[in-house]
Protein backbone atom coordinates (compact mmCIF):
# COMPACT_ATOMS: atom_id res chain seq x y z
CA MET A 1 -12.96 5.98 -6.70
CA ALA A 2 -13.23 8.41 -3.86
CA THR A 3 -12.28 12.06 -4.16
CA ALA A 4 -10.51 14.43 -1.79
CA LYS A 5 -9.39 18.04 -1.73
CA GLN A 6 -5.73 18.92 -2.24
CA PHE A 7 -3.60 22.06 -1.97
CA GLN A 8 0.03 22.50 -3.01
CA CYS A 9 1.87 25.58 -1.79
CA PRO A 10 3.12 27.70 -4.70
CA PHE A 11 6.12 28.84 -2.65
CA CYS A 12 7.59 25.63 -1.22
CA ALA A 13 5.57 22.69 -2.58
CA PHE A 14 4.04 21.85 0.84
CA GLN A 15 1.06 19.66 0.08
CA VAL A 16 -2.03 18.74 2.07
CA THR A 17 -4.85 16.40 1.12
CA ALA A 18 -8.03 15.94 3.14
CA THR A 19 -11.56 14.72 2.68
CA ASP A 20 -13.08 18.19 2.80
CA GLU A 21 -12.13 21.75 1.93
CA ASN A 22 -12.50 23.09 5.48
CA GLU A 23 -9.86 20.67 6.72
CA VAL A 24 -7.49 21.68 3.92
CA MET A 25 -8.04 25.39 4.65
CA LYS A 26 -7.25 24.85 8.35
CA HIS A 27 -3.88 23.24 7.56
CA VAL A 28 -2.99 25.74 4.82
CA LYS A 29 -3.69 28.72 7.10
CA VAL A 30 -1.34 27.29 9.75
CA HIS A 31 1.30 26.58 7.10
CA LYS A 32 1.01 30.11 5.70
CA GLN A 33 1.28 31.67 9.15
CA ASP A 34 4.31 29.54 10.08
CA HIS A 35 6.23 29.61 6.79
CA HIS A 36 5.00 32.49 4.60
CA PRO A 37 3.57 35.19 6.90
CA ASP A 38 4.44 37.99 4.47
CA ALA A 39 2.88 36.31 1.42
CA ASP A 40 0.08 38.35 -0.10
CA VAL A 41 -2.36 35.44 -0.44
CA SER A 42 -5.99 35.73 0.63
CA ASP A 43 -8.36 32.99 1.76
CA SER A 44 -10.06 33.38 -1.60
CA ASP A 45 -6.74 32.79 -3.38
CA ILE A 46 -6.16 29.67 -1.31
CA HIS A 47 -9.68 28.44 -2.06
CA ASP A 48 -9.03 28.86 -5.80
CA MET A 49 -5.86 26.73 -5.53
CA ILE A 50 -7.62 23.76 -3.91
CA LYS A 51 -8.19 20.96 -6.40
CA ASP A 52 -10.28 17.79 -6.44
CA VAL A 53 -8.16 14.65 -6.60
CA GLU A 54 -9.02 10.97 -6.87
CA ILE A 55 -7.76 8.75 -4.10
CA THR A 56 -7.49 5.00 -3.83
CA ARG A 57 -7.93 3.03 -0.68
CA SER A 58 -5.24 0.49 0.04
CA GLY A 59 -6.18 -3.06 0.93
CA ARG A 60 -9.29 -3.21 -1.24
């Protein structure tokens, strides 16, 4: 099985999954800016909340 990186927002349950951590960070930073600009969460905190997840490919 393939793996991906996943983040779930601790404030609203927004979730993003991508193949690499840089892609996840990009989406999470935009989400934070748009929805939680006053949240005291650093890039390091976000990094620590990103998890490895297994993904399945449909049609195989």
